[in-house]
Amino acid sequence: LTIVDISNPSSPSIVGSIDDDTQLNGAKGLYVSGSYAYIGVEGSHRLTIVNVSNPSSPNVISSIQDTTLLAYVTNVYVSGKYAYIAVNDGDRLTIVDISNPSSPTITGSITDATQLDTAKSIHVSGKYAYVAATNADRLTIIDISNPYSPTIVSSLVDSTTLDGINGVYVSGKYAYVAAGLNHSLTIVDISDPSNPAI
């Protein structure tokens, strides 16, 4: 993990970095909230939490590993006291309680080989998680109101406009979806989470 000072956009500079061959091996997804960076580590199947309150000296404070529920993490999104994790190899969404950053715990997980096939990206808004499932060409919406038992609400599949979907961002009643194989940006109406529509 490297921290860059961008206070002068015309001359960015590196101010701090941390290297850890175990807890950051294959670092992939990243979300910063408050004094902490939450890093999805694909290579060692874990979520690692780094204290970044001192940008010149970031330090790992904890890490949670699970070769099933965190198998090949690809993306992390933090909202409130939970980290929501897209898990590539397990076709799943896993939820981690981070209320105590020094001791994160897995609370719930959902897997679906069709609707979450190769979960690649995630965005959380309100009580829903929006997951880009790359191999399935799907945007899948999950109800996360119960972090111990997330449930799939709906899934939108389109082998043309969502071909190779690998990025999602939610704003208001729309989800903005990047699809690599279709070279496209697609806007999805999610005003009714049970019935998303392009």
C-alpha atoms as a PDB file:
ATOM      1  CA  LEU A   1       0.000   0.000   0.000  1.00  0.00           C
ATOM      2  CA  THR A   2       1.448   3.346  -1.031  1.00  0.00           C
ATOM      3  CA  ILE A   3       0.154   6.775   0.028  1.00  0.00           C
ATOM      4  CA  VAL A   4       0.583   9.728  -2.323  1.00  0.00           C
ATOM      5  CA  ASP A   5       0.306  13.396  -1.343  1.00  0.00           C
ATOM      6  CA  ILE A   6      -1.916  15.047  -3.970  1.00  0.00           C
ATOM      7  CA  SER A   7      -2.232  18.442  -2.248  1.00  0.00           C
ATOM      8  CA  ASN A   8      -0.417  19.851  -5.259  1.00  0.00           C
ATOM      9  CA  PRO A   9      -1.996  17.993  -8.208  1.00  0.00           C
ATOM     10  CA  SER A  10       0.746  19.138 -10.558  1.00  0.00           C
ATOM     11  CA  SER A  11       3.421  17.548  -8.388  1.00  0.00           C
ATOM     12  CA  PRO A  12       2.199  14.437  -6.522  1.00  0.00           C
ATOM     13  CA  SER A  13       4.679  12.809  -4.161  1.00  0.00           C
ATOM     14  CA  ILE A  14       4.907   9.519  -2.279  1.00  0.00           C
ATOM     15  CA  VAL A  15       4.776  10.079   1.481  1.00  0.00           C
ATOM     16  CA  GLY A  16       4.465   6.566   2.869  1.00  0.00           C
ATOM     17  CA  SER A  17       4.305   2.896   1.970  1.00  0.00           C
ATOM     18  CA  ILE A  18       3.971  -0.506   3.559  1.00  0.00           C
ATOM     19  CA  ASP A  19       5.018  -3.863   2.153  1.00  0.00           C
ATOM     20  CA  ASP A  20       3.903  -7.177   3.653  1.00  0.00           C
ATOM     21  CA  ASP A  21       4.461 -10.397   1.718  1.00  0.00           C
ATOM     22  CA  THR A  22       1.817 -12.230   3.734  1.00  0.00           C
ATOM     23  CA  GLN A  23      -0.943  -9.811   4.677  1.00  0.00           C
ATOM     24  CA  LEU A  24      -0.754  -7.778   1.474  1.00  0.00           C
ATOM     25  CA  ASN A  25       0.227 -10.529  -0.972  1.00  0.00           C
ATOM     26  CA  GLY A  26      -1.818  -9.830  -4.097  1.00  0.00           C
ATOM     27  CA  ALA A  27      -3.475  -6.649  -2.772  1.00  0.00           C
ATOM     28  CA  LYS A  28      -6.352  -5.845  -5.100  1.00  0.00           C
ATOM     29  CA  GLY A  29      -9.430  -4.054  -3.738  1.00  0.00           C
ATOM     30  CA  LEU A  30      -9.101  -0.913  -1.607  1.00  0.00           C
ATOM     31  CA  TYR A  31     -11.456   1.281   0.397  1.00  0.00           C
ATOM     32  CA  VAL A  32     -10.445   4.047   2.809  1.00  0.00           C
ATOM     33  CA  SER A  33     -12.719   5.136   5.657  1.00  0.00           C
ATOM     34  CA  GLY A  34     -11.589   7.372   8.482  1.00  0.00           C
ATOM     35  CA  SER A  35      -8.167   6.339   9.771  1.00  0.00           C
ATOM     36  CA  TYR A  36      -8.178   2.948   8.067  1.00  0.00           C
ATOM     37  CA  ALA A  37      -7.570   1.416   4.677  1.00  0.00           C
ATOM     38  CA  TYR A  38      -9.411  -1.837   4.023  1.00  0.00           C
ATOM     39  CA  ILE A  39      -7.573  -3.965   1.490  1.00  0.00           C
ATOM     40  CA  GLY A  40      -8.875  -7.028  -0.282  1.00  0.00           C
ATOM     41  CA  VAL A  41      -5.930  -9.373  -0.698  1.00  0.00           C
ATOM     42  CA  GLU A  42      -6.470 -11.794  -3.551  1.00  0.00           C
ATOM     43  CA  GLY A  43      -3.257 -13.788  -3.227  1.00  0.00           C
ATOM     44  CA  SER A  44      -3.721 -14.831   0.396  1.00  0.00           C
ATOM     45  CA  HIS A  45      -7.544 -14.779   0.589  1.00  0.00           C
ATOM     46  CA  ARG A  46      -7.937 -12.091   3.218  1.00  0.00           C
ATOM     47  CA  LEU A  47      -9.095  -8.669   4.278  1.00  0.00           C
ATOM     48  CA  THR A  48      -6.273  -6.620   5.762  1.00  0.00           C
ATOM     49  CA  ILE A  49      -6.831  -3.419   7.730  1.00  0.00           C
ATOM     50  CA  VAL A  50      -4.122  -0.760   7.707  1.00  0.00           C
ATOM     51  CA  ASN A  51      -3.974   2.267  10.007  1.00  0.00           C
ATOM     52  CA  VAL A  52      -3.283   5.269   7.754  1.00  0.00           C
ATOM     53  CA  SER A  53      -3.741   8.012  10.361  1.00  0.00           C
ATOM     54  CA  ASN A  54      -0.045   8.799   9.932  1.00  0.00           C
ATOM     55  CA  PRO A  55       0.404   8.805   6.138  1.00  0.00           C
ATOM     56  CA  SER A  56       4.185   8.616   6.422  1.00  0.00           C
ATOM     57  CA  SER A  57       4.019   5.429   8.467  1.00  0.00           C
ATOM     58  CA  PRO A  58       1.025   3.187   7.673  1.00  0.00           C
ATOM     59  CA  ASN A  59       0.870  -0.026   9.675  1.00  0.00           C
ATOM     60  CA  VAL A  60      -1.145  -3.250   9.514  1.00  0.00           C
ATOM     61  CA  ILE A  61      -3.361  -3.606  12.582  1.00  0.00           C
ATOM     62  CA  SER A  62      -5.269  -6.745  11.667  1.00  0.00           C
ATOM     63  CA  SER A  63      -6.092  -9.271   9.000  1.00  0.00           C
ATOM     64  CA  ILE A  64      -8.752 -11.923   8.563  1.00  0.00           C
ATOM     65  CA  GLN A  65      -8.205 -14.895   6.281  1.00  0.00           C
ATOM     66  CA  ASP A  66     -10.631 -17.500   4.963  1.00  0.00           C
ATOM     67  CA  THR A  67      -9.803 -19.697   1.982  1.00  0.00           C
ATOM     68  CA  THR A  68     -13.502 -20.248   1.256  1.00  0.00           C
ATOM     69  CA  LEU A  69     -15.392 -17.087   2.203  1.00  0.00           C
ATOM     70  CA  LEU A  70     -12.560 -14.801   1.023  1.00  0.00           C
ATOM     71  CA  ALA A  71     -11.164 -16.911  -1.839  1.00  0.00           C
ATOM     72  CA  TYR A  72      -9.572 -14.482  -4.312  1.00  0.00           C
ATOM     73  CA  VAL A  73     -10.986 -11.191  -3.068  1.00  0.00           C
ATOM     74  CA  THR A  74     -11.415  -8.665  -5.878  1.00  0.00           C
ATOM     75  CA  ASN A  75     -13.151  -5.633  -4.382  1.00  0.00           C
ATOM     76  CA  VAL A  76     -14.085  -4.046  -1.041  1.00  0.00           C
ATOM     77  CA  TYR A  77     -16.732  -1.494  -0.080  1.00  0.00           C
ATOM     78  CA  VAL A  78     -17.125  -0.119   3.442  1.00  0.00           C
ATOM     79  CA  SER A  79     -20.377   1.237   4.820  1.00  0.00           C
ATOM     80  CA  GLY A  80     -20.951   1.845   8.514  1.00  0.00           C
ATOM     81  CA  LYS A  81     -19.438  -0.922  10.601  1.00  0.00           C
ATOM     82  CA  TYR A  82     -19.274  -3.463   7.803  1.00  0.00           C
ATOM     83  CA  ALA A  83     -16.967  -4.250   4.902  1.00  0.00           C
ATOM     84  CA  TYR A  84     -18.659  -5.829   1.899  1.00  0.00           C
ATOM     85  CA  ILE A  85     -16.365  -7.994  -0.158  1.00  0.00           C
ATOM     86  CA  ALA A  86     -16.684  -9.309  -3.701  1.00  0.00           C
ATOM     87  CA  VAL A  87     -15.125 -12.761  -3.844  1.00  0.00           C
ATOM     88  CA  ASN A  88     -14.073 -13.884  -7.299  1.00  0.00           C
ATOM     89  CA  ASP A  89     -13.341 -17.589  -6.929  1.00  0.00           C
ATOM     90  CA  GLY A  90     -16.252 -18.385  -4.662  1.00  0.00           C
ATOM     91  CA  ASP A  91     -18.868 -16.470  -6.680  1.00  0.00           C
ATOM     92  CA  ARG A  92     -19.906 -14.727  -3.515  1.00  0.00           C
ATOM     93  CA  LEU A  93     -20.437 -11.650  -1.391  1.00  0.00           C
ATOM     94  CA  THR A  94     -18.985 -11.811   2.117  1.00  0.00           C
ATOM     95  CA  ILE A  95     -19.742  -9.356   4.922  1.00  0.00           C
ATOM     96  CA  VAL A  96     -17.190  -8.560   7.629  1.00  0.00           C
ATOM     97  CA  ASP A  97     -17.910  -6.733  10.889  1.00  0.00           C
ATOM     98  CA  ILE A  98     -15.190  -4.064  11.251  1.00  0.00           C
ATOM     99  CA  SER A  99     -16.624  -2.266  14.287  1.00  0.00           C
ATOM    100  CA  ASN A 100     -13.424  -3.299  16.066  1.00  0.00           C
ATOM    101  CA  PRO A 101     -10.736  -2.787  13.400  1.00  0.00           C
ATOM    102  CA  SER A 102      -8.210  -4.775  15.409  1.00  0.00           C
ATOM    103  CA  SER A 103     -10.460  -7.833  15.351  1.00  0.00           C
ATOM    104  CA  PRO A 104     -12.636  -8.109  12.223  1.00  0.00           C
ATOM    105  CA  THR A 105     -15.128 -10.992  12.045  1.00  0.00           C
ATOM    106  CA  ILE A 106     -17.120 -12.524   9.198  1.00  0.00           C
ATOM    107  CA  THR A 107     -20.849 -12.173   9.834  1.00  0.00           C
ATOM    108  CA  GLY A 108     -22.434 -13.493   6.660  1.00  0.00           C
ATOM    109  CA  SER A 109     -21.901 -14.630   3.108  1.00  0.00           C
ATOM    110  CA  ILE A 110     -23.911 -15.566   0.060  1.00  0.00           C
ATOM    111  CA  THR A 111     -22.776 -17.580  -2.934  1.00  0.00           C
ATOM    112  CA  ASP A 112     -24.486 -18.219  -6.262  1.00  0.00           C
ATOM    113  CA  ALA A 113     -22.664 -19.852  -9.151  1.00  0.00           C
ATOM    114  CA  THR A 114     -25.000 -18.194 -11.660  1.00  0.00           C
ATOM    115  CA  GLN A 115     -25.943 -14.763 -10.345  1.00  0.00           C
ATOM    116  CA  LEU A 116     -22.556 -14.037  -8.735  1.00  0.00           C
ATOM    117  CA  ASP A 117     -20.311 -15.885 -11.187  1.00  0.00           C
ATOM    118  CA  THR A 118     -16.888 -14.225 -10.839  1.00  0.00           C
ATOM    119  CA  ALA A 119     -17.986 -11.362  -8.563  1.00  0.00           C
ATOM    120  CA  LYS A 120     -15.648  -8.552  -9.550  1.00  0.00           C
ATOM    121  CA  SER A 121     -16.904  -5.214  -8.271  1.00  0.00           C
ATOM    122  CA  ILE A 122     -19.283  -3.985  -5.576  1.00  0.00           C
ATOM    123  CA  HIS A 123     -21.050  -0.799  -4.547  1.00  0.00           C
ATOM    124  CA  VAL A 124     -23.266  -0.401  -1.496  1.00  0.00           C
ATOM    125  CA  SER A 125     -26.139   2.055  -1.268  1.00  0.00           C
ATOM    126  CA  GLY A 126     -28.663   1.935   1.547  1.00  0.00           C
ATOM    127  CA  LYS A 127     -29.690  -1.636   2.273  1.00  0.00           C
ATOM    128  CA  TYR A 128     -28.507  -3.017  -1.053  1.00  0.00           C
ATOM    129  CA  ALA A 129     -25.225  -4.215  -2.471  1.00  0.00           C
ATOM    130  CA  TYR A 130     -24.782  -4.044  -6.233  1.00  0.00           C
ATOM    131  CA  VAL A 131     -22.387  -6.673  -7.549  1.00  0.00           C
ATOM    132  CA  ALA A 132     -20.853  -6.955 -11.010  1.00  0.00           C
ATOM    133  CA  ALA A 133     -20.619 -10.650 -11.912  1.00  0.00           C
ATOM    134  CA  THR A 134     -18.170 -10.747 -14.801  1.00  0.00           C
ATOM    135  CA  ASN A 135     -18.536 -14.245 -16.222  1.00  0.00           C
ATOM    136  CA  ALA A 136     -22.314 -14.105 -15.918  1.00  0.00           C
ATOM    137  CA  ASP A 137     -22.695 -10.704 -17.651  1.00  0.00           C
ATOM    138  CA  ARG A 138     -24.900  -9.721 -14.729  1.00  0.00           C
ATOM    139  CA  LEU A 139     -25.604  -6.933 -12.294  1.00  0.00           C
ATOM    140  CA  THR A 140     -26.922  -8.626  -9.152  1.00  0.00           C
ATOM    141  CA  ILE A 141     -28.682  -6.778  -6.347  1.00  0.00           C
ATOM    142  CA  ILE A 142     -28.422  -8.153  -2.814  1.00  0.00           C
ATOM    143  CA  ASP A 143     -30.424  -7.158   0.261  1.00  0.00           C
ATOM    144  CA  ILE A 144     -27.858  -6.634   3.056  1.00  0.00           C
ATOM    145  CA  SER A 145     -30.243  -5.296   5.705  1.00  0.00           C
ATOM    146  CA  ASN A 146     -29.459  -8.434   7.727  1.00  0.00           C
ATOM    147  CA  PRO A 147     -25.644  -8.710   7.617  1.00  0.00           C
ATOM    148  CA  TYR A 148     -25.877 -12.272   8.919  1.00  0.00           C
ATOM    149  CA  SER A 149     -28.086 -13.424   6.077  1.00  0.00           C
ATOM    150  CA  PRO A 150     -27.775 -11.444   2.827  1.00  0.00           C
ATOM    151  CA  THR A 151     -30.271 -12.414   0.109  1.00  0.00           C
ATOM    152  CA  ILE A 152     -30.396 -11.894  -3.651  1.00  0.00           C
ATOM    153  CA  VAL A 153     -33.253  -9.599  -4.664  1.00  0.00           C
ATOM    154  CA  SER A 154     -32.770  -9.580  -8.414  1.00  0.00           C
ATOM    155  CA  SER A 155     -30.273  -9.984 -11.199  1.00  0.00           C
ATOM    156  CA  LEU A 156     -30.085  -8.299 -14.592  1.00  0.00           C
ATOM    157  CA  VAL A 157     -28.352 -10.248 -17.333  1.00  0.00           C
ATOM    158  CA  ASP A 158     -27.463  -9.017 -20.819  1.00  0.00           C
ATOM    159  CA  SER A 159     -24.819 -10.822 -22.836  1.00  0.00           C
ATOM    160  CA  THR A 160     -24.383  -7.794 -25.099  1.00  0.00           C
ATOM    161  CA  THR A 161     -24.438  -4.568 -23.093  1.00  0.00           C
ATOM    162  CA  LEU A 162     -23.160  -6.203 -19.888  1.00  0.00           C
ATOM    163  CA  ASP A 163     -20.628  -8.477 -21.585  1.00  0.00           C
ATOM    164  CA  GLY A 164     -17.618  -8.703 -19.264  1.00  0.00           C
ATOM    165  CA  ILE A 165     -19.124  -6.402 -16.619  1.00  0.00           C
ATOM    166  CA  ASN A 166     -16.361  -5.460 -14.200  1.00  0.00           C
ATOM    167  CA  GLY A 167     -17.269  -2.163 -12.566  1.00  0.00           C
ATOM    168  CA  VAL A 168     -20.336  -0.658 -10.900  1.00  0.00           C
ATOM    169  CA  TYR A 169     -21.093   2.681  -9.253  1.00  0.00           C
ATOM    170  CA  VAL A 170     -24.451   3.722  -7.803  1.00  0.00           C
ATOM    171  CA  SER A 171     -25.808   7.249  -7.587  1.00  0.00           C
ATOM    172  CA  GLY A 172     -29.425   7.965  -6.822  1.00  0.00           C
ATOM    173  CA  LYS A 173     -31.708   5.659  -8.773  1.00  0.00           C
ATOM    174  CA  TYR A 174     -29.099   4.628 -11.318  1.00  0.00           C
ATOM    175  CA  ALA A 175     -26.261   2.121 -11.444  1.00  0.00           C
ATOM    176  CA  TYR A 176     -23.438   2.959 -13.839  1.00  0.00           C
ATOM    177  CA  VAL A 177     -21.853  -0.188 -15.184  1.00  0.00           C
ATOM    178  CA  ALA A 178     -18.578  -0.668 -17.061  1.00  0.00           C
ATOM    179  CA  ALA A 179     -18.428  -3.710 -19.337  1.00  0.00           C
ATOM    180  CA  GLY A 180     -14.939  -4.541 -20.571  1.00  0.00           C
ATOM    181  CA  LEU A 181     -15.718  -6.970 -23.366  1.00  0.00           C
ATOM    182  CA  ASN A 182     -18.449  -4.738 -24.773  1.00  0.00           C
ATOM    183  CA  HIS A 183     -16.259  -1.617 -24.398  1.00  0.00           C
ATOM    184  CA  SER A 184     -19.218   0.193 -22.887  1.00  0.00           C
ATOM    185  CA  LEU A 185     -20.789   2.193 -20.101  1.00  0.00           C
ATOM    186  CA  THR A 186     -24.375   1.142 -19.391  1.00  0.00           C
ATOM    187  CA  ILE A 187     -26.828   2.955 -17.149  1.00  0.00           C
ATOM    188  CA  VAL A 188     -29.289   0.794 -15.235  1.00  0.00           C
ATOM    189  CA  ASP A 189     -32.471   2.076 -13.584  1.00  0.00           C
ATOM    190  CA  ILE A 190     -32.519   0.609 -10.060  1.00  0.00           C
ATOM    191  CA  SER A 191     -35.414   2.633  -8.676  1.00  0.00           C
ATOM    192  CA  ASP A 192     -37.159  -0.724  -8.210  1.00  0.00           C
ATOM    193  CA  PRO A 193     -34.401  -3.032  -6.891  1.00  0.00           C
ATOM    194  CA  SER A 194     -36.544  -6.067  -7.650  1.00  0.00           C
ATOM    195  CA  ASN A 195     -36.755  -5.126 -11.310  1.00  0.00           C
ATOM    196  CA  PRO A 196     -33.637  -3.305 -12.609  1.00  0.00           C
ATOM    197  CA  ALA A 197     -33.814  -2.178 -16.220  1.00  0.00           C
ATOM    198  CA  ILE A 198     -31.422  -0.832 -18.851  1.00  0.00           C
END
